[in-house]
Amino acid sequence: MAYAANSAPVAAPKASGFSAFIANLAERLRQYRVYRETYNELSALSDRELNDLGLSRSMIRRLAIEASQDA
């Protein structure tokens, strides 16, 4: 007699209610920290340093948003 085993990982159930709210809040706070850190670091660079990186000052906000969403 042959047996087959399904050993696929089972995803954890999504949190609901208050725990989902806290998890969402923690994730958004983490993203905001990444955004602020990226924004502050790029803003501290001179226009010449930004130009050397191929960036302009007007791109800083968008780059910080992208970094926070990718993190």
Protein backbone atom coordinates (compact mmCIF):
# COMPACT_ATOMS: atom_id res chain seq x y z
CA MET A 1 0.00 0.00 0.00
CA ALA A 2 1.32 3.49 -0.88
CA TYR A 3 0.88 6.66 1.11
CA ALA A 4 1.15 10.24 -0.14
CA ALA A 5 1.93 13.09 2.17
CA ASN A 6 1.20 16.70 1.42
CA SER A 7 3.79 18.74 3.27
CA ALA A 8 3.01 22.17 1.81
CA PRO A 9 3.43 24.94 4.36
CA VAL A 10 0.21 26.31 5.74
CA ALA A 11 -0.10 30.09 5.79
CA ALA A 12 -0.91 31.64 9.12
CA PRO A 13 -4.45 32.95 9.32
CA LYS A 14 -4.81 36.69 8.92
CA ALA A 15 -5.30 38.52 12.14
CA SER A 16 -8.64 40.12 12.66
CA GLY A 17 -10.03 42.88 14.79
CA PHE A 18 -7.75 44.66 17.19
CA SER A 19 -4.69 42.53 16.47
CA ALA A 20 -5.00 43.35 12.75
CA PHE A 21 -5.23 47.03 13.63
CA ILE A 22 -2.06 46.82 15.73
CA ALA A 23 -0.21 44.85 13.03
CA ASN A 24 -1.22 47.40 10.39
CA LEU A 25 -0.20 50.27 12.64
CA ALA A 26 3.20 48.69 13.31
CA GLU A 27 3.80 48.15 9.58
CA ARG A 28 2.85 51.73 8.73
CA LEU A 29 5.12 53.04 11.49
CA ARG A 30 8.01 50.96 10.13
CA GLN A 31 7.37 52.31 6.63
CA TYR A 32 7.24 55.88 7.96
CA ARG A 33 10.59 55.43 9.72
CA VAL A 34 12.19 54.21 6.49
CA TYR A 35 10.62 57.15 4.65
CA ARG A 36 11.93 59.74 7.15
CA GLU A 37 15.41 58.19 7.29
CA THR A 38 15.71 58.12 3.50
CA TYR A 39 14.27 61.62 3.13
CA ASN A 40 16.57 63.10 5.77
CA GLU A 41 19.69 61.43 4.37
CA LEU A 42 19.01 62.57 0.82
CA SER A 43 18.04 66.06 1.95
CA ALA A 44 21.35 66.39 3.77
CA LEU A 45 23.27 65.95 0.52
CA SER A 46 24.38 69.01 -1.42
CA ASP A 47 23.06 69.70 -4.89
CA ARG A 48 26.42 68.66 -6.29
CA GLU A 49 26.36 65.33 -4.46
CA LEU A 50 22.80 64.68 -5.64
CA ASN A 51 23.86 65.54 -9.19
CA ASP A 52 26.75 63.06 -8.95
CA LEU A 53 24.16 60.39 -8.08
CA GLY A 54 22.01 61.43 -11.02
CA LEU A 55 19.31 62.86 -8.76
CA SER A 56 17.67 66.22 -8.37
CA ARG A 57 16.27 67.69 -5.20
CA SER A 58 12.74 67.37 -6.58
CA MET A 59 13.14 63.56 -6.72
CA ILE A 60 13.84 63.12 -2.99
CA ARG A 61 10.23 62.74 -1.84
CA ARG A 62 9.36 60.18 -4.51
CA LEU A 63 12.51 58.16 -3.81
CA ALA A 64 11.77 58.14 -0.07
CA ILE A 65 8.22 56.92 -0.73
CA GLU A 66 9.49 54.15 -3.01
CA ALA A 67 12.10 53.10 -0.42
CA SER A 68 9.45 52.90 2.30
CA GLN A 69 7.16 50.77 0.16
CA ASP A 70 9.96 48.40 -0.88
CA ALA A 71 11.22 47.91 2.68
